[in-house]
């Protein structure tokens, strides 16, 4: 099995397994630089759109600000959101191998397109990156239906960008809002450096159609793609608040509507638990497009 086959296999690797340990952001003075880093992963979870541009080869991963819906941003710790406001990260090319092309997992095919028009808006988070060796994903993609012709598709819910370092390279991710250079996820295996960035809506904004509506909102920045890629539906999945919505919050009541006592044994009348997919670290069921620009 060659290296490319191994990378392709990462598409089936749960994101949580890829990041066994998370911790708080450490200040620059405590960044460990003694161990030689050979491999770098940037893990993105949430509604990130990736725009691949040429001359120079670079990727802009972003999530726009919504005028009405607030989102939380996470860095290396999916349990603790960053302070409110915009964040701008940049992964330096210095210390990383250069790639003229990147392998993109075929699982992104339904959400990969070419366009020369990008009507950029204010962004909640922006990440500038060089071309990686590969772009993969984790977990089971969601089934979707497009609005234009009701064709079916498959949507991954994360991105894993993978790099190899140069002989004496040391990867450097910076963010001015976090004080400069950022440390990677602590306790990664020797020789591997990982960074995790996640975006999720605030609890008050969870709704059955949030994921679909936010995807279509992002797509408006690429007007030539709106007709073909606008979504009609994303499968509810185990995170959806639409599941059992007739029971949610209603409690158990008797035949005339009074509160009733039930045995503490699960049965069909008990509200179903809200389950979190093990491949997800935050409540988010959508990604943006992968866009190629000339």
C-alpha atoms as a PDB file:
ATOM      1  CA  UNK A   1       0.000   0.000   0.000  1.00  0.00           C
ATOM      2  CA  UNK A   2       1.498   3.360  -0.992  1.00  0.00           C
ATOM      3  CA  UNK A   3       1.186   6.708   0.769  1.00  0.00           C
ATOM      4  CA  UNK A   4      -1.692   7.917  -1.429  1.00  0.00           C
ATOM      5  CA  UNK A   5      -3.750   4.829  -0.537  1.00  0.00           C
ATOM      6  CA  UNK A   6      -3.175   5.510   3.144  1.00  0.00           C
ATOM      7  CA  UNK A   7      -4.307   9.117   2.746  1.00  0.00           C
ATOM      8  CA  UNK A   8      -7.445   8.035   0.920  1.00  0.00           C
ATOM      9  CA  UNK A   9      -8.256   5.759   3.832  1.00  0.00           C
ATOM     10  CA  UNK A  10      -8.377   8.739   6.180  1.00  0.00           C
ATOM     11  CA  UNK A  11     -11.790   9.543   4.723  1.00  0.00           C
ATOM     12  CA  UNK A  12     -13.198   6.764   6.899  1.00  0.00           C
ATOM     13  CA  UNK A  13     -11.278   7.798  10.048  1.00  0.00           C
ATOM     14  CA  UNK A  14     -13.434   9.437  12.746  1.00  0.00           C
ATOM     15  CA  UNK A  15     -12.248  12.952  13.501  1.00  0.00           C
ATOM     16  CA  UNK A  16     -12.364  12.265  17.218  1.00  0.00           C
ATOM     17  CA  UNK A  17      -9.936   9.374  16.720  1.00  0.00           C
ATOM     18  CA  UNK A  18      -7.630  11.614  14.729  1.00  0.00           C
ATOM     19  CA  UNK A  19      -7.506  14.063  17.656  1.00  0.00           C
ATOM     20  CA  UNK A  20      -7.303  11.980  20.826  1.00  0.00           C
ATOM     21  CA  UNK A  21      -6.391  14.833  23.150  1.00  0.00           C
ATOM     22  CA  UNK A  22      -7.403  18.477  23.265  1.00  0.00           C
ATOM     23  CA  UNK A  23      -6.228  21.198  25.578  1.00  0.00           C
ATOM     24  CA  UNK A  24      -6.140  24.912  26.112  1.00  0.00           C
ATOM     25  CA  UNK A  25      -4.177  27.275  23.905  1.00  0.00           C
ATOM     26  CA  UNK A  26      -0.659  27.778  25.236  1.00  0.00           C
ATOM     27  CA  UNK A  27       1.273  31.053  24.986  1.00  0.00           C
ATOM     28  CA  UNK A  28       4.047  31.349  22.431  1.00  0.00           C
ATOM     29  CA  UNK A  29       6.759  31.054  25.064  1.00  0.00           C
ATOM     30  CA  UNK A  30       5.653  27.503  25.897  1.00  0.00           C
ATOM     31  CA  UNK A  31       5.526  26.150  22.328  1.00  0.00           C
ATOM     32  CA  UNK A  32       7.615  23.011  22.105  1.00  0.00           C
ATOM     33  CA  UNK A  33      10.161  23.213  19.306  1.00  0.00           C
ATOM     34  CA  UNK A  34      12.645  20.500  20.222  1.00  0.00           C
ATOM     35  CA  UNK A  35      10.831  17.591  18.568  1.00  0.00           C
ATOM     36  CA  UNK A  36      11.131  17.473  14.781  1.00  0.00           C
ATOM     37  CA  UNK A  37       7.716  17.751  13.115  1.00  0.00           C
ATOM     38  CA  UNK A  38       7.339  15.661   9.959  1.00  0.00           C
ATOM     39  CA  UNK A  39       3.610  15.791   9.349  1.00  0.00           C
ATOM     40  CA  UNK A  40       0.972  18.513   9.849  1.00  0.00           C
ATOM     41  CA  UNK A  41      -2.827  18.242   9.911  1.00  0.00           C
ATOM     42  CA  UNK A  42      -5.286  21.139   9.926  1.00  0.00           C
ATOM     43  CA  UNK A  43      -8.717  19.870  11.007  1.00  0.00           C
ATOM     44  CA  UNK A  44     -11.718  22.025  10.095  1.00  0.00           C
ATOM     45  CA  UNK A  45     -15.213  21.285  11.349  1.00  0.00           C
ATOM     46  CA  UNK A  46     -18.232  23.368  10.498  1.00  0.00           C
ATOM     47  CA  UNK A  47     -19.412  25.428   7.540  1.00  0.00           C
ATOM     48  CA  UNK A  48     -16.002  26.202   6.051  1.00  0.00           C
ATOM     49  CA  UNK A  49     -15.785  27.019   2.356  1.00  0.00           C
ATOM     50  CA  UNK A  50     -12.383  26.333   0.788  1.00  0.00           C
ATOM     51  CA  UNK A  51     -11.315  28.573  -2.100  1.00  0.00           C
ATOM     52  CA  UNK A  52      -8.298  27.300  -4.053  1.00  0.00           C
ATOM     53  CA  UNK A  53      -6.498  29.992  -6.045  1.00  0.00           C
ATOM     54  CA  UNK A  54      -3.488  29.975  -8.390  1.00  0.00           C
ATOM     55  CA  UNK A  55      -0.439  32.223  -8.726  1.00  0.00           C
ATOM     56  CA  UNK A  56       0.406  31.878  -5.951  1.00  0.00           C
ATOM     57  CA  UNK A  57      -1.107  28.559  -4.946  1.00  0.00           C
ATOM     58  CA  UNK A  58      -3.086  29.221  -1.799  1.00  0.00           C
ATOM     59  CA  UNK A  59      -6.290  28.257  -0.013  1.00  0.00           C
ATOM     60  CA  UNK A  60      -8.643  30.560   1.843  1.00  0.00           C
ATOM     61  CA  UNK A  61     -10.907  28.707   4.265  1.00  0.00           C
ATOM     62  CA  UNK A  62     -13.637  30.930   5.663  1.00  0.00           C
ATOM     63  CA  UNK A  63     -16.995  31.164   7.398  1.00  0.00           C
ATOM     64  CA  UNK A  64     -18.910  34.414   6.778  1.00  0.00           C
ATOM     65  CA  UNK A  65     -20.741  36.445   9.379  1.00  0.00           C
ATOM     66  CA  UNK A  66     -24.500  36.065   9.254  1.00  0.00           C
ATOM     67  CA  UNK A  67     -26.540  39.241   9.913  1.00  0.00           C
ATOM     68  CA  UNK A  68     -28.912  37.468  12.313  1.00  0.00           C
ATOM     69  CA  UNK A  69     -27.334  34.169  13.371  1.00  0.00           C
ATOM     70  CA  UNK A  70     -24.342  34.157  15.719  1.00  0.00           C
ATOM     71  CA  UNK A  71     -21.708  31.425  15.610  1.00  0.00           C
ATOM     72  CA  UNK A  72     -19.068  30.280  18.058  1.00  0.00           C
ATOM     73  CA  UNK A  73     -15.442  29.659  17.051  1.00  0.00           C
ATOM     74  CA  UNK A  74     -13.239  27.003  18.632  1.00  0.00           C
ATOM     75  CA  UNK A  75      -9.484  26.496  18.419  1.00  0.00           C
ATOM     76  CA  UNK A  76      -7.866  23.274  19.678  1.00  0.00           C
ATOM     77  CA  UNK A  77     -10.511  22.932  22.392  1.00  0.00           C
ATOM     78  CA  UNK A  78     -14.037  22.010  21.182  1.00  0.00           C
ATOM     79  CA  UNK A  79     -15.457  22.586  24.661  1.00  0.00           C
ATOM     80  CA  UNK A  80     -14.378  26.222  24.996  1.00  0.00           C
ATOM     81  CA  UNK A  81     -15.289  28.832  22.363  1.00  0.00           C
ATOM     82  CA  UNK A  82     -13.007  31.768  21.648  1.00  0.00           C
ATOM     83  CA  UNK A  83     -14.006  35.305  22.513  1.00  0.00           C
ATOM     84  CA  UNK A  84     -16.540  36.915  20.196  1.00  0.00           C
ATOM     85  CA  UNK A  85     -15.250  38.712  17.135  1.00  0.00           C
ATOM     86  CA  UNK A  86     -13.496  37.893  13.876  1.00  0.00           C
ATOM     87  CA  UNK A  87     -10.407  35.677  13.783  1.00  0.00           C
ATOM     88  CA  UNK A  88      -7.728  35.445  11.122  1.00  0.00           C
ATOM     89  CA  UNK A  89      -5.334  32.483  11.031  1.00  0.00           C
ATOM     90  CA  UNK A  90      -2.422  31.945   8.661  1.00  0.00           C
ATOM     91  CA  UNK A  91      -0.353  28.804   8.125  1.00  0.00           C
ATOM     92  CA  UNK A  92       3.032  29.797   6.757  1.00  0.00           C
ATOM     93  CA  UNK A  93       4.536  28.029   3.729  1.00  0.00           C
ATOM     94  CA  UNK A  94       7.888  28.198   5.483  1.00  0.00           C
ATOM     95  CA  UNK A  95       8.847  24.769   6.778  1.00  0.00           C
ATOM     96  CA  UNK A  96       6.277  22.925   4.625  1.00  0.00           C
ATOM     97  CA  UNK A  97       6.724  21.145   1.329  1.00  0.00           C
ATOM     98  CA  UNK A  98       5.245  22.928  -1.686  1.00  0.00           C
ATOM     99  CA  UNK A  99       2.584  21.252  -3.831  1.00  0.00           C
ATOM    100  CA  UNK A 100       1.396  22.302  -7.277  1.00  0.00           C
ATOM    101  CA  UNK A 101      -1.701  20.097  -6.915  1.00  0.00           C
ATOM    102  CA  UNK A 102      -3.583  18.658  -3.973  1.00  0.00           C
ATOM    103  CA  UNK A 103      -5.316  15.300  -3.804  1.00  0.00           C
ATOM    104  CA  UNK A 104      -8.996  15.945  -2.999  1.00  0.00           C
ATOM    105  CA  UNK A 105     -10.989  13.017  -1.669  1.00  0.00           C
ATOM    106  CA  UNK A 106     -13.686  12.025  -4.222  1.00  0.00           C
ATOM    107  CA  UNK A 107     -16.236  12.220  -1.413  1.00  0.00           C
ATOM    108  CA  UNK A 108     -16.247  16.008  -1.927  1.00  0.00           C
ATOM    109  CA  UNK A 109     -17.267  15.639  -5.588  1.00  0.00           C
ATOM    110  CA  UNK A 110     -20.855  16.846  -5.119  1.00  0.00           C
ATOM    111  CA  UNK A 111     -19.593  20.073  -3.521  1.00  0.00           C
ATOM    112  CA  UNK A 112     -16.560  20.861  -5.677  1.00  0.00           C
ATOM    113  CA  UNK A 113     -16.899  23.494  -8.401  1.00  0.00           C
ATOM    114  CA  UNK A 114     -15.085  26.091 -10.538  1.00  0.00           C
ATOM    115  CA  UNK A 115     -15.997  29.785 -10.746  1.00  0.00           C
ATOM    116  CA  UNK A 116     -14.302  33.115 -11.402  1.00  0.00           C
ATOM    117  CA  UNK A 117     -16.726  35.244  -9.352  1.00  0.00           C
ATOM    118  CA  UNK A 118     -16.432  35.633  -5.585  1.00  0.00           C
ATOM    119  CA  UNK A 119     -18.426  38.445  -3.983  1.00  0.00           C
ATOM    120  CA  UNK A 120     -16.619  38.380  -0.683  1.00  0.00           C
ATOM    121  CA  UNK A 121     -18.370  39.511   2.509  1.00  0.00           C
ATOM    122  CA  UNK A 122     -17.404  40.143   6.103  1.00  0.00           C
ATOM    123  CA  UNK A 123     -16.067  36.946   7.615  1.00  0.00           C
ATOM    124  CA  UNK A 124     -16.310  35.446  11.079  1.00  0.00           C
ATOM    125  CA  UNK A 125     -13.160  33.409  10.588  1.00  0.00           C
ATOM    126  CA  UNK A 126     -10.557  33.308   7.823  1.00  0.00           C
ATOM    127  CA  UNK A 127      -7.705  30.827   7.486  1.00  0.00           C
ATOM    128  CA  UNK A 128      -4.975  31.314   4.864  1.00  0.00           C
ATOM    129  CA  UNK A 129      -3.146  28.122   3.929  1.00  0.00           C
ATOM    130  CA  UNK A 130      -0.732  26.870   1.266  1.00  0.00           C
ATOM    131  CA  UNK A 131      -1.830  24.003  -0.978  1.00  0.00           C
ATOM    132  CA  UNK A 132      -1.758  20.773   1.083  1.00  0.00           C
ATOM    133  CA  UNK A 133      -0.659  17.325  -0.038  1.00  0.00           C
ATOM    134  CA  UNK A 134      -4.267  16.163   0.379  1.00  0.00           C
ATOM    135  CA  UNK A 135      -7.740  17.211   1.503  1.00  0.00           C
ATOM    136  CA  UNK A 136      -9.724  14.483   3.241  1.00  0.00           C
ATOM    137  CA  UNK A 137     -12.656  14.212   5.647  1.00  0.00           C
ATOM    138  CA  UNK A 138     -13.811  12.104   8.580  1.00  0.00           C
ATOM    139  CA  UNK A 139     -17.028  10.299   9.404  1.00  0.00           C
ATOM    140  CA  UNK A 140     -20.109   9.442   7.355  1.00  0.00           C
ATOM    141  CA  UNK A 141     -21.240  12.083   4.835  1.00  0.00           C
ATOM    142  CA  UNK A 142     -24.845  13.278   4.988  1.00  0.00           C
ATOM    143  CA  UNK A 143     -27.361  12.754   2.204  1.00  0.00           C
ATOM    144  CA  UNK A 144     -28.623  15.930   0.556  1.00  0.00           C
ATOM    145  CA  UNK A 145     -31.088  16.982  -2.129  1.00  0.00           C
ATOM    146  CA  UNK A 146     -30.347  19.926  -4.411  1.00  0.00           C
ATOM    147  CA  UNK A 147     -33.048  22.493  -5.126  1.00  0.00           C
ATOM    148  CA  UNK A 148     -32.633  22.961  -8.893  1.00  0.00           C
ATOM    149  CA  UNK A 149     -33.269  19.461 -10.239  1.00  0.00           C
ATOM    150  CA  UNK A 150     -33.842  17.487  -6.991  1.00  0.00           C
ATOM    151  CA  UNK A 151     -30.749  15.397  -7.649  1.00  0.00           C
ATOM    152  CA  UNK A 152     -29.264  13.562  -4.672  1.00  0.00           C
ATOM    153  CA  UNK A 153     -25.810  14.146  -3.301  1.00  0.00           C
ATOM    154  CA  UNK A 154     -23.418  13.389  -0.457  1.00  0.00           C
ATOM    155  CA  UNK A 155     -21.998  16.021   1.918  1.00  0.00           C
ATOM    156  CA  UNK A 156     -18.985  15.413   4.194  1.00  0.00           C
ATOM    157  CA  UNK A 157     -19.046  17.471   7.405  1.00  0.00           C
ATOM    158  CA  UNK A 158     -15.349  18.177   7.945  1.00  0.00           C
ATOM    159  CA  UNK A 159     -12.054  18.879   6.171  1.00  0.00           C
ATOM    160  CA  UNK A 160      -8.634  17.427   6.981  1.00  0.00           C
ATOM    161  CA  UNK A 161      -5.777  19.253   5.235  1.00  0.00           C
ATOM    162  CA  UNK A 162      -2.509  17.322   5.343  1.00  0.00           C
ATOM    163  CA  UNK A 163       1.057  18.541   4.868  1.00  0.00           C
ATOM    164  CA  UNK A 164       4.594  17.180   5.064  1.00  0.00           C
ATOM    165  CA  UNK A 165       7.414  19.334   6.396  1.00  0.00           C
ATOM    166  CA  UNK A 166      10.768  20.067   4.816  1.00  0.00           C
ATOM    167  CA  UNK A 167      13.944  18.505   6.184  1.00  0.00           C
ATOM    168  CA  UNK A 168      14.483  21.151   8.842  1.00  0.00           C
ATOM    169  CA  UNK A 169      11.044  22.709   8.784  1.00  0.00           C
ATOM    170  CA  UNK A 170       8.970  23.837  11.736  1.00  0.00           C
ATOM    171  CA  UNK A 171       5.297  24.601  10.931  1.00  0.00           C
ATOM    172  CA  UNK A 172       3.970  27.957  12.039  1.00  0.00           C
ATOM    173  CA  UNK A 173       0.298  28.894  12.479  1.00  0.00           C
ATOM    174  CA  UNK A 174      -0.366  32.451  13.578  1.00  0.00           C
ATOM    175  CA  UNK A 175      -3.415  34.429  14.688  1.00  0.00           C
ATOM    176  CA  UNK A 176      -3.140  38.112  15.698  1.00  0.00           C
ATOM    177  CA  UNK A 177      -6.305  37.900  17.811  1.00  0.00           C
ATOM    178  CA  UNK A 178      -4.694  35.140  19.896  1.00  0.00           C
ATOM    179  CA  UNK A 179      -1.419  36.955  20.402  1.00  0.00           C
ATOM    180  CA  UNK A 180       0.659  35.741  17.471  1.00  0.00           C
ATOM    181  CA  UNK A 181       1.990  32.230  16.935  1.00  0.00           C
ATOM    182  CA  UNK A 182      -0.346  29.419  18.023  1.00  0.00           C
ATOM    183  CA  UNK A 183       0.579  26.084  19.517  1.00  0.00           C
ATOM    184  CA  UNK A 184      -0.739  22.842  18.083  1.00  0.00           C
ATOM    185  CA  UNK A 185      -3.004  20.377  19.910  1.00  0.00           C
ATOM    186  CA  UNK A 186      -0.993  19.108  22.898  1.00  0.00           C
ATOM    187  CA  UNK A 187       0.066  15.489  23.286  1.00  0.00           C
ATOM    188  CA  UNK A 188       0.026  14.622  19.581  1.00  0.00           C
ATOM    189  CA  UNK A 189       2.109  11.599  18.530  1.00  0.00           C
ATOM    190  CA  UNK A 190       5.799  12.290  18.042  1.00  0.00           C
ATOM    191  CA  UNK A 191       6.519  13.996  14.735  1.00  0.00           C
ATOM    192  CA  UNK A 192       2.876  15.038  14.125  1.00  0.00           C
ATOM    193  CA  UNK A 193       1.459  18.513  14.603  1.00  0.00           C
ATOM    194  CA  UNK A 194      -2.322  19.063  14.542  1.00  0.00           C
ATOM    195  CA  UNK A 195      -4.484  22.162  14.652  1.00  0.00           C
ATOM    196  CA  UNK A 196      -8.257  22.060  15.144  1.00  0.00           C
ATOM    197  CA  UNK A 197     -10.666  24.862  14.199  1.00  0.00           C
ATOM    198  CA  UNK A 198     -14.432  24.500  14.602  1.00  0.00           C
ATOM    199  CA  UNK A 199     -17.454  26.740  14.047  1.00  0.00           C
ATOM    200  CA  UNK A 200     -20.981  26.115  15.368  1.00  0.00           C
ATOM    201  CA  UNK A 201     -24.146  28.201  15.783  1.00  0.00           C
ATOM    202  CA  UNK A 202     -25.141  29.403  19.221  1.00  0.00           C
ATOM    203  CA  UNK A 203     -27.644  27.190  21.035  1.00  0.00           C
ATOM    204  CA  UNK A 204     -30.390  29.755  20.461  1.00  0.00           C
ATOM    205  CA  UNK A 205     -30.009  29.339  16.703  1.00  0.00           C
ATOM    206  CA  UNK A 206     -30.363  25.580  16.395  1.00  0.00           C
ATOM    207  CA  UNK A 207     -33.306  24.870  14.094  1.00  0.00           C
ATOM    208  CA  UNK A 208     -34.239  22.101  11.655  1.00  0.00           C
ATOM    209  CA  UNK A 209     -33.315  24.168   8.585  1.00  0.00           C
ATOM    210  CA  UNK A 210     -30.325  26.033   9.971  1.00  0.00           C
ATOM    211  CA  UNK A 211     -27.678  23.962   8.191  1.00  0.00           C
ATOM    212  CA  UNK A 212     -29.405  24.160   4.808  1.00  0.00           C
ATOM    213  CA  UNK A 213     -30.179  27.874   5.106  1.00  0.00           C
ATOM    214  CA  UNK A 214     -26.663  28.766   6.192  1.00  0.00           C
ATOM    215  CA  UNK A 215     -25.136  26.781   3.327  1.00  0.00           C
ATOM    216  CA  UNK A 216     -27.358  28.631   0.842  1.00  0.00           C
ATOM    217  CA  UNK A 217     -26.398  31.930   2.500  1.00  0.00           C
ATOM    218  CA  UNK A 218     -22.701  31.181   1.959  1.00  0.00           C
ATOM    219  CA  UNK A 219     -23.361  30.126  -1.626  1.00  0.00           C
ATOM    220  CA  UNK A 220     -24.713  33.595  -2.460  1.00  0.00           C
ATOM    221  CA  UNK A 221     -21.093  34.797  -2.565  1.00  0.00           C
ATOM    222  CA  UNK A 222     -20.634  32.674  -5.699  1.00  0.00           C
ATOM    223  CA  UNK A 223     -23.599  33.760  -7.874  1.00  0.00           C
ATOM    224  CA  UNK A 224     -22.691  31.529 -10.818  1.00  0.00           C
ATOM    225  CA  UNK A 225     -23.071  28.476  -8.582  1.00  0.00           C
ATOM    226  CA  UNK A 226     -26.316  29.356  -6.809  1.00  0.00           C
ATOM    227  CA  UNK A 227     -28.722  27.669  -9.217  1.00  0.00           C
ATOM    228  CA  UNK A 228     -26.901  24.343  -9.442  1.00  0.00           C
ATOM    229  CA  UNK A 229     -25.752  23.947  -5.827  1.00  0.00           C
ATOM    230  CA  UNK A 230     -28.488  25.493  -3.656  1.00  0.00           C
ATOM    231  CA  UNK A 231     -29.844  22.878  -1.262  1.00  0.00           C
ATOM    232  CA  UNK A 232     -33.442  21.799  -0.841  1.00  0.00           C
ATOM    233  CA  UNK A 233     -32.779  19.464   2.072  1.00  0.00           C
ATOM    234  CA  UNK A 234     -30.054  17.942   4.249  1.00  0.00           C
ATOM    235  CA  UNK A 235     -30.942  14.686   5.967  1.00  0.00           C
ATOM    236  CA  UNK A 236     -31.850  15.367   9.616  1.00  0.00           C
ATOM    237  CA  UNK A 237     -29.305  12.929  11.026  1.00  0.00           C
ATOM    238  CA  UNK A 238     -28.959  12.133  14.750  1.00  0.00           C
ATOM    239  CA  UNK A 239     -28.182  15.765  15.618  1.00  0.00           C
ATOM    240  CA  UNK A 240     -31.403  17.204  14.264  1.00  0.00           C
ATOM    241  CA  UNK A 241     -33.782  18.954  16.633  1.00  0.00           C
ATOM    242  CA  UNK A 242     -36.551  18.129  14.191  1.00  0.00           C
ATOM    243  CA  UNK A 243     -36.546  14.510  15.287  1.00  0.00           C
ATOM    244  CA  UNK A 244     -39.462  13.877  17.633  1.00  0.00           C
ATOM    245  CA  UNK A 245     -40.203  17.605  17.669  1.00  0.00           C
ATOM    246  CA  UNK A 246     -43.802  16.822  18.621  1.00  0.00           C
ATOM    247  CA  UNK A 247     -42.474  15.296  21.845  1.00  0.00           C
ATOM    248  CA  UNK A 248     -39.567  17.647  22.592  1.00  0.00           C
ATOM    249  CA  UNK A 249     -40.191  19.682  25.719  1.00  0.00           C
ATOM    250  CA  UNK A 250     -43.752  18.413  26.074  1.00  0.00           C
ATOM    251  CA  UNK A 251     -43.066  15.895  28.830  1.00  0.00           C
ATOM    252  CA  UNK A 252     -45.335  12.920  29.513  1.00  0.00           C
ATOM    253  CA  UNK A 253     -49.018  13.681  29.999  1.00  0.00           C
ATOM    254  CA  UNK A 254     -52.124  11.663  30.674  1.00  0.00           C
ATOM    255  CA  UNK A 255     -55.180  11.411  28.450  1.00  0.00           C
ATOM    256  CA  UNK A 256     -56.601  14.800  29.488  1.00  0.00           C
ATOM    257  CA  UNK A 257     -53.325  16.698  29.357  1.00  0.00           C
ATOM    258  CA  UNK A 258     -52.232  16.560  33.008  1.00  0.00           C
ATOM    259  CA  UNK A 259     -48.647  15.750  33.945  1.00  0.00           C
ATOM    260  CA  UNK A 260     -48.289  12.026  34.586  1.00  0.00           C
ATOM    261  CA  UNK A 261     -45.753   9.809  36.359  1.00  0.00           C
ATOM    262  CA  UNK A 262     -44.121   7.103  34.284  1.00  0.00           C
ATOM    263  CA  UNK A 263     -41.880   4.190  35.299  1.00  0.00           C
ATOM    264  CA  UNK A 264     -38.159   4.914  34.862  1.00  0.00           C
ATOM    265  CA  UNK A 265     -37.878   2.390  32.046  1.00  0.00           C
ATOM    266  CA  UNK A 266     -37.337   3.395  28.417  1.00  0.00           C
ATOM    267  CA  UNK A 267     -40.315   2.827  26.130  1.00  0.00           C
ATOM    268  CA  UNK A 268     -41.737   4.318  22.927  1.00  0.00           C
ATOM    269  CA  UNK A 269     -43.407   7.206  24.780  1.00  0.00           C
ATOM    270  CA  UNK A 270     -40.163   8.475  26.299  1.00  0.00           C
ATOM    271  CA  UNK A 271     -38.443  11.340  24.492  1.00  0.00           C
ATOM    272  CA  UNK A 272     -35.554  10.048  22.396  1.00  0.00           C
ATOM    273  CA  UNK A 273     -32.089  11.099  23.589  1.00  0.00           C
ATOM    274  CA  UNK A 274     -30.185  13.727  21.622  1.00  0.00           C
ATOM    275  CA  UNK A 275     -27.218  11.783  20.291  1.00  0.00           C
ATOM    276  CA  UNK A 276     -23.934  13.211  19.018  1.00  0.00           C
ATOM    277  CA  UNK A 277     -22.217  11.493  16.103  1.00  0.00           C
ATOM    278  CA  UNK A 278     -18.918  10.131  17.394  1.00  0.00           C
ATOM    279  CA  UNK A 279     -17.078  11.603  14.416  1.00  0.00           C
ATOM    280  CA  UNK A 280     -18.156  15.122  15.389  1.00  0.00           C
ATOM    281  CA  UNK A 281     -16.721  17.291  18.130  1.00  0.00           C
ATOM    282  CA  UNK A 282     -19.219  20.154  17.861  1.00  0.00           C
ATOM    283  CA  UNK A 283     -22.861  20.359  16.854  1.00  0.00           C
ATOM    284  CA  UNK A 284     -22.575  21.090  13.144  1.00  0.00           C
ATOM    285  CA  UNK A 285     -23.974  19.289  10.130  1.00  0.00           C
ATOM    286  CA  UNK A 286     -22.776  21.289   7.148  1.00  0.00           C
ATOM    287  CA  UNK A 287     -19.719  22.346   5.176  1.00  0.00           C
ATOM    288  CA  UNK A 288     -19.272  24.887   2.433  1.00  0.00           C
ATOM    289  CA  UNK A 289     -18.097  24.292  -1.123  1.00  0.00           C
ATOM    290  CA  UNK A 290     -14.599  23.549  -2.377  1.00  0.00           C
ATOM    291  CA  UNK A 291     -14.119  26.282  -4.970  1.00  0.00           C
ATOM    292  CA  UNK A 292     -11.443  26.410  -7.683  1.00  0.00           C
ATOM    293  CA  UNK A 293     -10.654  29.890  -8.990  1.00  0.00           C
ATOM    294  CA  UNK A 294      -8.361  30.705 -11.940  1.00  0.00           C
END
